[in-house]
Amino acid sequence: MLRPRRRGIASVNAEVRDGIVPAAGSIAQTRDEGPAESGANYRLVALIIASALFMEFVDSTVLATALPTMARDFGVRPQEMSVALTSYLLALAVFIPASGTIADRFGSRTVFRAAIFLFVLGSLACGQSVTLEMMVASRFIQGVGGAMMIPVGRLVLLRSVAKQDMVNAMSWLLVPALIGPIIGPPLGGFIVTYLDWRWIFYINLPMGFLGFYLVGRFIANIREDEPARFDTLGFVLSGLSLGCLLFGFEMVSRPGESTMAAALIAVGLVTGLLYVLHARKRENAILDLSLLKDETFRLSVIAGSITRITQGAQPFLLPLMMQVGFGFSAARSGTITVATAIGSLAMKSFAPRVLRRFGFRRALVWNGVIATAGYAVCGLFQPSWPVWAMFCVLGLSGFFMSFQFTAYNTIAYDGIDKKQMSRATAFYSTFQQLMLSLGICVAAMALHLAMMANGDAAPSLTDFSIAFWVVTAISLTATFWNLRFAPDAGAEISGHAPEKEPERQQEAA
């Protein structure tokens, strides 16, 4: 009889990176190795890490609500503020693969403190920004710190907590994933409406300084005796490729920047090809392309990446539509958009039972269509809609989309060997951030093209509707890849016993 296999921290880490509430709690335990016995302060260690992550999650969700107000102060169009979101996500995509090796070489405490310092420094710089260019640079610094927080925090936890205490420690670590996305939107709306948007970043300072002290006080500086050789050339090539491609796609939505956009995209493609050639010849490449030989991992990366187009676009488009298109205040907008996080939280206990009943393949196919259609309905929103109706649509959309990513992030590692888990996590996390960033770029580009087609100087409700439908139409194509999962894919994890095909039943008889 098949039994649910317990998930490792890798899948939980992936869910946190998607900005959703980790689900499948009844089967969420780690199989990673830890010390024989936990230290006396292991709960405090978990809480310190959770506090740092809470700071990061609140910051990432609180900013979207403030974009229209920031655009007005910077003297740019609201849709041009998309680069403030993509620059942060780009830094995550570039530096996440390097974080593990850096921690092994310099010590987990040193790198974790450095991550907090960079995040706080970037927050201070964001609060002092007077131009969009300064904001982009400051957000990138923030992203460098944020890129190291979760992976290095995971290493600290693994090295500080014994296996038998890991579930207890993880319950503390997952607190920011539960609370951060819910607090962020209404907090951002309150700050923008009644204070100054710069306080969105200043609130990180006291928590960051406290975390910097506590990490130095209670976390040991554990490092590897013989750390793996860092793939410097691979890091440079992958970073150039990701950066040029993302900023190239982002600049497509800016008038008069088509030449520069084309040049950046071309450079990104060339350096990406050079990285592929480099990775094939190197055993410990920073992004291990050989992982894609595993069919389940490959399908999860492809289908999940396409679906994340919508997940990345949604927090960018919704606040803009409600504030610029509807004329809502930032506070009112924040209280509505928080529904997606609440829907994600409500999904927490359903995932194990649904996956056990239907299996991964069937659940991914049908739930993917429902989740994408839910966000497509957002394109029908009008100012005359009751708040409760929009809240319900967003809550249900968050519920189904959260389930989709929980399934992707869990099944991705089904066929991955334990020795490859660290590289698989880095690879998967990089593509998560890349596609979330691309979702923002696609949304901004679709909004810009819709404005051009309709002759609008400022985004209209029709323009927002078109943008929503473009990103959801792209994500809907993930269905073709979901259909390619094997019927029994992830059966050991979910506990689902797929029905035997007629030919196999005859053979068995």
Protein backbone atom coordinates (compact mmCIF):
# COMPACT_ATOMS: atom_id res chain seq x y z
CA MET A 1 0.00 0.00 0.00
CA LEU A 2 1.33 3.41 -0.94
CA ARG A 3 1.93 5.82 1.88
CA PRO A 4 2.40 9.59 1.63
CA ARG A 5 6.09 10.34 1.49
CA ARG A 6 7.19 13.21 3.67
CA ARG A 7 8.37 16.29 1.88
CA GLY A 8 11.77 17.86 2.38
CA ILE A 9 12.47 21.50 3.12
CA ALA A 10 13.19 21.99 -0.58
CA SER A 11 9.50 21.85 -1.49
CA VAL A 12 8.54 24.09 1.44
CA ASN A 13 11.27 26.54 0.43
CA ALA A 14 9.85 26.61 -3.09
CA GLU A 15 6.36 27.39 -1.80
CA VAL A 16 7.71 30.26 0.30
CA ARG A 17 9.45 31.66 -2.78
CA ASP A 18 6.13 31.62 -4.65
CA GLY A 19 4.64 33.82 -1.96
CA ILE A 20 2.00 31.28 -1.04
CA VAL A 21 1.11 29.58 2.20
CA PRO A 22 2.78 26.15 2.36
CA ALA A 23 0.17 23.44 2.23
CA ALA A 24 0.08 19.68 2.76
CA GLY A 25 0.88 20.26 6.39
CA SER A 26 0.07 16.71 7.42
CA ILE A 27 2.86 15.34 5.24
CA ALA A 28 5.31 18.22 5.62
CA GLN A 29 8.35 16.93 7.40
CA THR A 30 11.97 16.95 6.38
CA ARG A 31 14.17 14.04 5.51
CA ASP A 32 17.31 16.17 5.49
CA GLU A 33 20.07 15.25 7.91
CA GLY A 34 20.77 17.40 10.98
CA PRO A 35 22.78 17.11 14.19
CA ALA A 36 22.19 14.20 16.55
CA GLU A 37 20.70 16.54 19.16
CA SER A 38 19.30 20.06 18.88
CA GLY A 39 20.86 22.88 20.83
CA ALA A 40 19.07 24.38 23.80
CA ASN A 41 18.08 27.47 21.78
CA TYR A 42 16.92 25.76 18.58
CA ARG A 43 13.43 27.29 18.87
CA LEU A 44 14.99 30.74 19.24
CA VAL A 45 17.17 30.07 16.19
CA ALA A 46 14.07 29.15 14.17
CA LEU A 47 12.27 32.27 15.39
CA ILE A 48 15.23 34.52 14.47
CA ILE A 49 15.26 33.10 10.94
CA ALA A 50 11.47 33.45 10.74
CA SER A 51 11.70 37.12 11.78
CA ALA A 52 14.17 37.85 8.98
CA LEU A 53 11.93 36.11 6.47
CA PHE A 54 8.89 37.95 7.81
CA MET A 55 10.65 41.24 7.10
CA GLU A 56 11.33 40.12 3.53
CA PHE A 57 7.81 38.81 2.85
CA VAL A 58 6.04 41.88 4.21
CA ASP A 59 8.30 44.14 2.14
CA SER A 60 7.62 42.21 -1.07
CA THR A 61 3.83 42.32 -0.63
CA VAL A 62 3.51 45.82 0.79
CA LEU A 63 5.23 47.58 -2.13
CA ALA A 64 2.74 46.76 -4.89
CA THR A 65 0.03 48.83 -3.19
CA ALA A 66 2.27 51.90 -3.17
CA LEU A 67 3.31 51.85 -6.85
CA PRO A 68 0.80 54.46 -8.16
CA THR A 69 1.75 56.93 -5.41
CA MET A 70 5.47 56.37 -5.96
CA ALA A 71 5.00 56.86 -9.71
CA ARG A 72 3.42 60.25 -9.09
CA ASP A 73 6.31 61.35 -6.86
CA PHE A 74 8.91 60.14 -9.38
CA GLY A 75 7.10 61.78 -12.30
CA VAL A 76 6.65 58.58 -14.32
CA ARG A 77 3.70 56.61 -15.60
CA PRO A 78 2.33 54.04 -13.12
CA GLN A 79 3.04 51.08 -15.41
CA GLU A 80 6.72 52.09 -15.60
CA MET A 81 7.06 51.25 -11.90
CA SER A 82 7.12 47.59 -12.89
CA VAL A 83 10.91 47.82 -13.04
CA ALA A 84 10.98 48.43 -9.27
CA LEU A 85 9.48 44.96 -8.80
CA THR A 86 11.48 43.17 -11.49
CA SER A 87 14.84 44.52 -10.27
CA TYR A 88 14.27 42.89 -6.88
CA LEU A 89 13.17 39.58 -8.37
CA LEU A 90 16.09 39.67 -10.79
CA ALA A 91 18.53 39.95 -7.89
CA LEU A 92 16.87 36.93 -6.32
CA ALA A 93 17.18 34.91 -9.53
CA VAL A 94 20.85 35.81 -9.99
CA PHE A 95 22.10 35.34 -6.42
CA ILE A 96 20.01 32.44 -5.10
CA PRO A 97 22.18 29.81 -6.88
CA ALA A 98 25.33 31.32 -5.36
CA SER A 99 24.06 31.60 -1.78
CA GLY A 100 24.74 28.00 -0.74
CA THR A 101 28.34 27.98 -1.93
CA ILE A 102 28.99 31.37 -0.35
CA ALA A 103 27.61 30.13 2.99
CA ASP A 104 29.77 27.00 2.81
CA ARG A 105 32.87 29.08 2.23
CA PHE A 106 32.35 31.97 4.67
CA GLY A 107 30.04 30.44 7.25
CA SER A 108 26.27 30.49 7.62
CA ARG A 109 26.23 33.13 10.38
CA THR A 110 28.50 35.50 8.45
CA VAL A 111 26.48 35.23 5.27
CA PHE A 112 23.11 35.43 7.05
CA ARG A 113 24.17 38.61 8.86
CA ALA A 114 25.47 40.02 5.57
CA ALA A 115 22.11 39.24 3.95
CA ILE A 116 20.23 41.11 6.68
CA PHE A 117 22.67 44.05 6.44
CA LEU A 118 22.25 44.31 2.65
CA PHE A 119 18.47 44.09 2.96
CA VAL A 120 18.39 46.87 5.57
CA LEU A 121 20.84 48.99 3.55
CA GLY A 122 18.68 48.55 0.47
CA SER A 123 15.57 49.46 2.47
CA LEU A 124 17.19 52.68 3.69
CA ALA A 125 18.28 53.54 0.15
CA CYS A 126 14.76 52.86 -1.16
CA GLY A 127 13.31 55.25 1.41
CA GLN A 128 15.77 57.94 0.33
CA SER A 129 15.19 57.47 -3.41
CA VAL A 130 14.06 60.53 -5.36
CA THR A 131 14.12 59.02 -8.86
CA LEU A 132 13.01 55.75 -10.39
CA GLU A 133 16.62 54.91 -11.26
CA MET A 134 17.66 55.23 -7.61
CA MET A 135 14.75 53.05 -6.57
CA VAL A 136 15.72 50.34 -9.06
CA ALA A 137 19.32 50.26 -7.82
CA SER A 138 18.17 50.21 -4.18
CA ARG A 139 15.70 47.41 -4.81
CA PHE A 140 18.47 45.38 -6.45
CA ILE A 141 20.58 45.74 -3.30
CA GLN A 142 17.58 44.61 -1.28
CA GLY A 143 17.21 41.64 -3.57
CA VAL A 144 20.82 40.55 -3.11
CA GLY A 145 20.17 40.36 0.64
CA GLY A 146 16.81 38.69 0.16
CA ALA A 147 18.32 36.09 -2.17
CA MET A 148 20.50 34.77 0.63
CA MET A 149 17.97 34.88 3.48
CA ILE A 150 15.84 31.83 2.70
CA PRO A 151 18.53 29.44 1.34
CA VAL A 152 21.04 30.34 4.07
CA GLY A 153 18.28 30.29 6.70
CA ARG A 154 17.48 26.77 5.51
CA LEU A 155 21.14 25.77 5.95
CA VAL A 156 21.24 27.29 9.45
CA LEU A 157 18.14 25.34 10.41
CA LEU A 158 19.46 22.07 9.01
CA ARG A 159 22.75 22.50 10.85
CA SER A 160 21.18 23.56 14.15
CA VAL A 161 18.17 21.29 14.59
CA ALA A 162 18.01 17.50 14.98
CA LYS A 163 15.71 15.51 12.73
CA GLN A 164 13.24 14.70 15.50
CA ASP A 165 12.82 18.43 16.29
CA MET A 166 12.59 19.66 12.67
CA VAL A 167 8.79 19.73 12.46
CA ASN A 168 8.61 21.87 15.60
CA ALA A 169 11.27 24.21 14.23
CA MET A 170 9.58 24.39 10.82
CA SER A 171 6.32 25.47 12.45
CA TRP A 172 8.16 28.61 13.60
CA LEU A 173 9.87 29.10 10.25
CA LEU A 174 6.60 29.01 8.32
CA VAL A 175 4.99 31.75 10.41
CA PRO A 176 6.14 34.55 8.04
CA ALA A 177 4.71 32.66 5.06
CA LEU A 178 1.37 32.54 6.84
CA ILE A 179 1.25 36.10 8.14
CA GLY A 180 3.41 38.19 5.79
CA PRO A 181 1.24 38.06 2.64
CA ILE A 182 -1.88 38.82 4.72
CA ILE A 183 -0.41 41.81 6.55
CA GLY A 184 1.39 43.29 3.53
CA PRO A 185 -1.40 44.72 1.29
CA PRO A 186 -3.52 46.42 4.00
CA LEU A 187 -0.38 47.68 5.77
CA GLY A 188 0.90 49.17 2.52
CA GLY A 189 -2.47 50.77 1.84
CA PHE A 190 -2.60 52.28 5.34
CA ILE A 191 0.94 53.71 5.09
CA VAL A 192 0.39 55.21 1.64
CA THR A 193 -2.99 56.70 2.54
CA TYR A 194 -2.22 58.13 5.98
CA LEU A 195 1.60 58.43 6.10
CA ASP A 196 4.36 58.61 3.49
CA TRP A 197 5.19 55.69 1.18
CA ARG A 198 8.83 55.86 2.35
CA TRP A 199 7.77 54.33 5.68
CA ILE A 200 7.14 51.11 3.77
CA PHE A 201 10.91 50.72 3.72
CA TYR A 202 11.79 52.40 7.01
CA ILE A 203 9.79 49.86 9.01
CA ASN A 204 12.41 47.27 8.03
CA LEU A 205 15.20 49.09 9.88
CA PRO A 206 14.45 48.26 13.55
CA MET A 207 13.63 44.62 12.81
CA GLY A 208 16.74 44.30 10.66
CA PHE A 209 19.07 45.77 13.27
CA LEU A 210 17.59 43.50 15.94
CA GLY A 211 17.95 40.46 13.69
CA PHE A 212 21.57 41.37 12.90
CA TYR A 213 22.37 41.38 16.62
CA LEU A 214 20.48 38.19 17.45
CA VAL A 215 22.08 36.23 14.61
CA GLY A 216 25.52 37.15 15.91
CA ARG A 217 24.48 36.24 19.44
CA PHE A 218 22.75 32.89 18.99
CA ILE A 219 23.69 31.34 15.61
CA ALA A 220 26.93 29.41 15.15
CA ASN A 221 29.18 30.20 12.18
CA ILE A 222 29.27 26.73 10.61
CA ARG A 223 31.11 26.26 7.33
CA GLU A 224 32.26 23.39 5.14
CA ASP A 225 35.87 22.21 5.53
CA GLU A 226 36.19 21.75 1.78
CA PRO A 227 33.58 23.91 0.06
CA ALA A 228 32.80 23.27 -3.59
CA ARG A 229 34.65 25.38 -6.11
CA PHE A 230 32.56 28.40 -7.07
CA ASP A 231 31.49 28.55 -10.71
CA THR A 232 32.55 32.13 -11.35
CA LEU A 233 32.20 32.05 -15.14
CA GLY A 234 28.80 30.37 -14.89
CA PHE A 235 27.66 32.97 -12.34
CA VAL A 236 28.69 35.85 -14.64
CA LEU A 237 27.16 34.33 -17.78
CA SER A 238 23.87 33.35 -16.11
CA GLY A 239 23.62 36.72 -14.37
CA LEU A 240 24.21 38.63 -17.61
CA SER A 241 21.74 36.48 -19.50
CA LEU A 242 18.95 36.79 -16.92
CA GLY A 243 19.55 40.50 -16.37
CA CYS A 244 19.64 41.44 -20.04
CA LEU A 245 16.61 39.34 -20.92
CA LEU A 246 14.46 40.67 -18.09
CA PHE A 247 15.36 44.33 -18.51
CA GLY A 248 15.09 43.93 -22.27
CA PHE A 249 11.53 42.62 -22.00
CA GLU A 250 10.73 45.31 -19.43
CA MET A 251 11.95 48.09 -21.74
CA VAL A 252 9.69 46.88 -24.55
CA SER A 253 6.83 48.51 -22.65
CA ARG A 254 8.59 51.90 -22.67
CA PRO A 255 8.08 54.23 -25.64
CA GLY A 256 11.23 55.03 -27.62
CA GLU A 257 13.29 52.25 -26.03
CA SER A 258 12.79 49.54 -28.66
CA THR A 259 16.38 49.66 -29.93
CA MET A 260 17.87 49.31 -26.46
CA ALA A 261 15.36 46.57 -25.62
CA ALA A 262 16.30 44.59 -28.73
CA ALA A 263 20.01 44.96 -27.94
CA LEU A 264 19.56 43.74 -24.36
CA ILE A 265 17.48 40.76 -25.46
CA ALA A 266 20.10 39.85 -28.06
CA VAL A 267 22.91 40.01 -25.48
CA GLY A 268 20.81 37.95 -23.09
CA LEU A 269 20.24 35.24 -25.69
CA VAL A 270 23.92 35.08 -26.64
CA THR A 271 25.17 34.90 -23.04
CA GLY A 272 22.46 32.35 -22.27
CA LEU A 273 23.71 30.15 -25.11
CA LEU A 274 27.28 30.55 -23.87
CA TYR A 275 26.16 29.47 -20.41
CA VAL A 276 24.51 26.33 -21.81
CA LEU A 277 27.77 25.42 -23.57
CA HIS A 278 29.70 26.14 -20.38
CA ALA A 279 27.35 24.13 -18.13
CA ARG A 280 27.62 21.05 -20.34
CA LYS A 281 31.38 20.93 -19.78
CA ARG A 282 31.39 21.68 -16.05
CA GLU A 283 30.46 19.17 -13.40
CA ASN A 284 29.41 21.65 -10.68
CA ALA A 285 27.79 24.36 -12.79
CA ILE A 286 25.94 27.03 -10.82
CA LEU A 287 22.71 25.98 -12.59
CA ASP A 288 22.83 22.24 -13.27
CA LEU A 289 21.03 21.66 -16.58
CA SER A 290 21.38 17.88 -16.22
CA LEU A 291 18.54 18.01 -13.68
CA LEU A 292 16.14 18.50 -16.59
CA LYS A 293 16.76 14.90 -17.62
CA ASP A 294 14.34 13.91 -14.86
CA GLU A 295 10.94 14.07 -16.56
CA THR A 296 8.91 15.01 -13.49
CA PHE A 297 11.32 17.78 -12.54
CA ARG A 298 11.41 19.06 -16.13
CA LEU A 299 7.63 19.13 -16.50
CA SER A 300 7.21 20.85 -13.13
CA VAL A 301 9.75 23.52 -14.13
CA ILE A 302 8.13 24.15 -17.53
CA ALA A 303 4.47 24.03 -16.49
CA GLY A 304 5.12 25.88 -13.25
CA SER A 305 7.11 28.57 -15.07
CA ILE A 306 4.29 29.22 -17.53
CA THR A 307 1.74 29.38 -14.71
CA ARG A 308 3.92 31.84 -12.78
CA ILE A 309 3.38 34.40 -15.57
CA THR A 310 -0.04 35.05 -14.02
CA GLN A 311 1.24 34.79 -10.44
CA GLY A 312 3.85 37.46 -11.15
CA ALA A 313 1.49 39.78 -13.05
CA GLN A 314 -1.39 39.70 -10.55
CA PRO A 315 0.17 41.75 -7.68
CA PHE A 316 1.34 44.32 -10.24
CA LEU A 317 -1.89 44.71 -12.21
CA LEU A 318 -4.46 44.56 -9.41
CA PRO A 319 -3.35 47.58 -7.33
CA LEU A 320 -2.83 49.64 -10.50
CA MET A 321 -6.28 48.78 -11.81
CA MET A 322 -7.99 49.57 -8.52
CA GLN A 323 -6.15 52.82 -7.86
CA VAL A 324 -5.60 54.18 -11.39
CA GLY A 325 -8.57 52.58 -13.16
CA PHE A 326 -11.18 52.57 -10.36
CA GLY A 327 -9.97 55.59 -8.42
CA PHE A 328 -9.84 53.64 -5.14
CA SER A 329 -7.57 54.78 -2.33
CA ALA A 330 -4.48 52.73 -1.54
CA ALA A 331 -6.05 51.65 1.76
CA ARG A 332 -9.21 50.37 0.06
CA SER A 333 -7.18 48.63 -2.62
CA GLY A 334 -5.04 46.89 0.00
CA THR A 335 -8.04 45.55 1.91
CA ILE A 336 -9.37 43.96 -1.29
CA THR A 337 -6.17 42.48 -2.73
CA VAL A 338 -5.38 40.77 0.59
CA ALA A 339 -8.10 38.28 -0.37
CA THR A 340 -5.64 36.25 -2.45
CA ALA A 341 -3.43 35.62 0.60
CA ILE A 342 -6.44 34.65 2.70
CA GLY A 343 -7.53 32.23 -0.02
CA SER A 344 -4.06 30.70 0.00
CA LEU A 345 -4.21 30.24 3.75
CA ALA A 346 -7.64 28.60 3.54
CA MET A 347 -6.22 26.02 1.10
CA LYS A 348 -3.68 24.73 3.63
CA SER A 349 -5.54 21.66 4.85
CA PHE A 350 -7.11 20.65 1.53
CA ALA A 351 -4.06 19.82 -0.60
CA PRO A 352 -3.14 16.43 0.93
CA ARG A 353 -6.70 15.11 0.67
CA VAL A 354 -7.22 16.34 -2.90
CA LEU A 355 -3.91 14.92 -4.09
CA ARG A 356 -4.59 11.61 -2.35
CA ARG A 357 -8.00 11.40 -4.02
CA PHE A 358 -7.16 12.51 -7.57
CA GLY A 359 -3.37 12.27 -7.89
CA PHE A 360 -1.00 14.95 -9.14
CA ARG A 361 -1.68 14.70 -12.87
CA ARG A 362 -5.46 15.05 -12.75
CA ALA A 363 -5.31 17.71 -10.02
CA LEU A 364 -2.76 19.80 -11.92
CA VAL A 365 -4.73 19.66 -15.17
CA TRP A 366 -8.16 20.62 -13.85
CA ASN A 367 -7.10 22.88 -11.00
CA GLY A 368 -4.74 24.74 -13.34
CA VAL A 369 -7.62 25.63 -15.65
CA ILE A 370 -9.81 26.75 -12.73
CA ALA A 371 -7.05 28.83 -11.11
CA THR A 372 -6.15 30.59 -14.36
CA ALA A 373 -9.81 31.24 -15.20
CA GLY A 374 -10.26 32.80 -11.77
CA TYR A 375 -7.64 35.44 -12.47
CA ALA A 376 -9.11 35.98 -15.96
CA VAL A 377 -12.35 37.03 -14.23
CA CYS A 378 -10.37 39.92 -12.71
CA GLY A 379 -10.38 41.43 -16.19
CA LEU A 380 -14.16 41.83 -15.82
CA PHE A 381 -13.91 43.87 -12.60
CA GLN A 382 -15.67 47.25 -12.66
CA PRO A 383 -15.85 50.01 -10.02
CA SER A 384 -19.56 49.21 -9.70
CA TRP A 385 -18.83 45.65 -8.53
CA PRO A 386 -19.54 45.13 -4.81
CA VAL A 387 -16.38 44.83 -2.75
CA TRP A 388 -17.52 41.46 -1.42
CA ALA A 389 -17.82 40.08 -4.97
CA MET A 390 -14.27 41.11 -5.92
CA PHE A 391 -13.03 39.82 -2.58
CA CYS A 392 -14.64 36.42 -3.21
CA VAL A 393 -13.21 36.13 -6.73
CA LEU A 394 -9.72 36.97 -5.51
CA GLY A 395 -10.03 34.66 -2.52
CA LEU A 396 -11.05 31.72 -4.70
CA SER A 397 -8.34 32.54 -7.24
CA GLY A 398 -5.72 32.60 -4.48
CA PHE A 399 -7.07 29.31 -3.13
CA PHE A 400 -6.78 27.42 -6.41
CA MET A 401 -3.50 29.03 -7.53
CA SER A 402 -1.92 28.26 -4.16
CA PHE A 403 -2.92 24.63 -4.56
CA GLN A 404 -1.39 24.58 -8.05
CA PHE A 405 1.99 25.78 -6.84
CA THR A 406 1.90 23.49 -3.82
CA ALA A 407 1.48 20.56 -6.20
CA TYR A 408 4.21 21.77 -8.58
CA ASN A 409 6.67 22.48 -5.79
CA THR A 410 6.07 19.11 -4.16
CA ILE A 411 6.18 16.82 -7.17
CA ALA A 412 9.20 18.58 -8.67
CA TYR A 413 11.59 16.74 -6.34
CA ASP A 414 9.92 13.34 -6.58
CA GLY A 415 12.68 11.82 -8.73
CA ILE A 416 15.60 13.92 -7.51
CA ASP A 417 18.37 12.12 -5.65
CA LYS A 418 19.19 13.45 -2.18
CA LYS A 419 22.72 14.34 -3.30
CA GLN A 420 21.26 16.59 -6.01
CA MET A 421 18.65 18.24 -3.77
CA SER A 422 20.67 21.40 -3.09
CA ARG A 423 21.36 22.01 -6.79
CA ALA A 424 17.75 21.18 -7.68
CA THR A 425 16.46 23.70 -5.12
CA ALA A 426 18.76 26.41 -6.50
CA PHE A 427 17.73 25.67 -10.07
CA TYR A 428 14.01 25.60 -9.27
CA SER A 429 14.14 28.76 -7.14
CA THR A 430 15.99 30.63 -9.89
CA PHE A 431 13.34 29.79 -12.45
CA GLN A 432 10.61 30.75 -9.99
CA GLN A 433 11.98 34.26 -9.60
CA LEU A 434 12.75 34.55 -13.30
CA MET A 435 9.20 33.71 -14.33
CA LEU A 436 7.60 35.87 -11.63
CA SER A 437 9.71 38.73 -12.99
CA LEU A 438 8.76 37.87 -16.55
CA GLY A 439 5.10 37.90 -15.51
CA ILE A 440 5.47 41.54 -14.44
CA CYS A 441 7.24 42.37 -17.70
CA VAL A 442 4.56 40.67 -19.80
CA ALA A 443 1.81 42.46 -17.86
CA ALA A 444 3.48 45.86 -18.34
CA MET A 445 4.07 45.15 -22.04
CA ALA A 446 0.48 44.00 -22.58
CA LEU A 447 -0.83 47.07 -20.78
CA HIS A 448 1.37 49.35 -22.90
CA LEU A 449 0.34 47.72 -26.18
CA ALA A 450 -3.34 47.89 -25.21
CA MET A 451 -2.96 51.61 -24.48
CA MET A 452 -1.31 52.15 -27.86
CA ALA A 453 -4.03 50.19 -29.68
CA ASN A 454 -6.81 52.14 -27.94
CA GLY A 455 -5.03 55.50 -28.17
CA ASP A 456 -5.07 56.01 -24.40
CA ALA A 457 -2.63 58.36 -22.66
CA ALA A 458 -3.40 56.71 -19.31
CA PRO A 459 -4.49 53.12 -18.70
CA SER A 460 -8.23 52.58 -19.04
CA LEU A 461 -10.32 49.72 -17.67
CA THR A 462 -10.29 48.11 -21.12
CA ASP A 463 -6.49 48.21 -21.14
CA PHE A 464 -6.32 46.47 -17.77
CA SER A 465 -8.81 43.83 -18.93
CA ILE A 466 -6.71 43.06 -22.00
CA ALA A 467 -3.56 42.79 -19.88
CA PHE A 468 -5.23 40.33 -17.51
CA TRP A 469 -6.48 38.18 -20.37
CA VAL A 470 -3.10 38.15 -22.12
CA VAL A 471 -1.19 36.85 -19.08
CA THR A 472 -3.88 34.30 -18.19
CA ALA A 473 -4.03 33.05 -21.79
CA ILE A 474 -0.28 32.40 -21.64
CA SER A 475 -0.57 30.56 -18.34
CA LEU A 476 -3.43 28.44 -19.67
CA THR A 477 -1.00 26.79 -22.11
CA ALA A 478 0.57 25.05 -19.09
CA THR A 479 -2.32 22.56 -19.46
CA PHE A 480 -0.54 20.90 -22.39
CA TRP A 481 2.48 20.22 -20.18
CA ASN A 482 0.38 19.10 -17.22
CA LEU A 483 -1.17 16.44 -19.45
CA ARG A 484 2.30 14.97 -20.00
CA PHE A 485 2.76 13.98 -16.36
CA ALA A 486 2.53 10.23 -15.87
CA PRO A 487 -0.78 9.08 -14.31
CA ASP A 488 1.12 7.71 -11.33
CA ALA A 489 3.51 10.67 -11.00
CA GLY A 490 4.11 11.46 -7.34
CA ALA A 491 1.94 8.56 -6.15
CA GLU A 492 4.36 7.78 -3.33
CA ILE A 493 4.08 11.37 -2.11
CA SER A 494 0.31 11.77 -2.39
CA GLY A 495 -0.75 8.24 -1.48
CA HIS A 496 -2.94 8.16 -4.61
CA ALA A 497 -3.36 4.72 -6.20
CA PRO A 498 -3.99 5.34 -9.92
CA GLU A 499 -6.41 3.07 -11.75
CA LYS A 500 -4.69 0.43 -13.84
CA GLU A 501 -5.01 0.65 -17.59
CA PRO A 502 -7.12 -2.14 -19.20
CA GLU A 503 -4.09 -3.80 -20.83
CA ARG A 504 -2.17 -3.84 -17.57
CA GLN A 505 -5.21 -5.26 -15.78
CA GLN A 506 -5.39 -8.11 -18.29
CA GLU A 507 -1.67 -8.80 -17.89
CA ALA A 508 -2.05 -8.80 -14.12
CA ALA A 509 -4.95 -11.25 -14.42
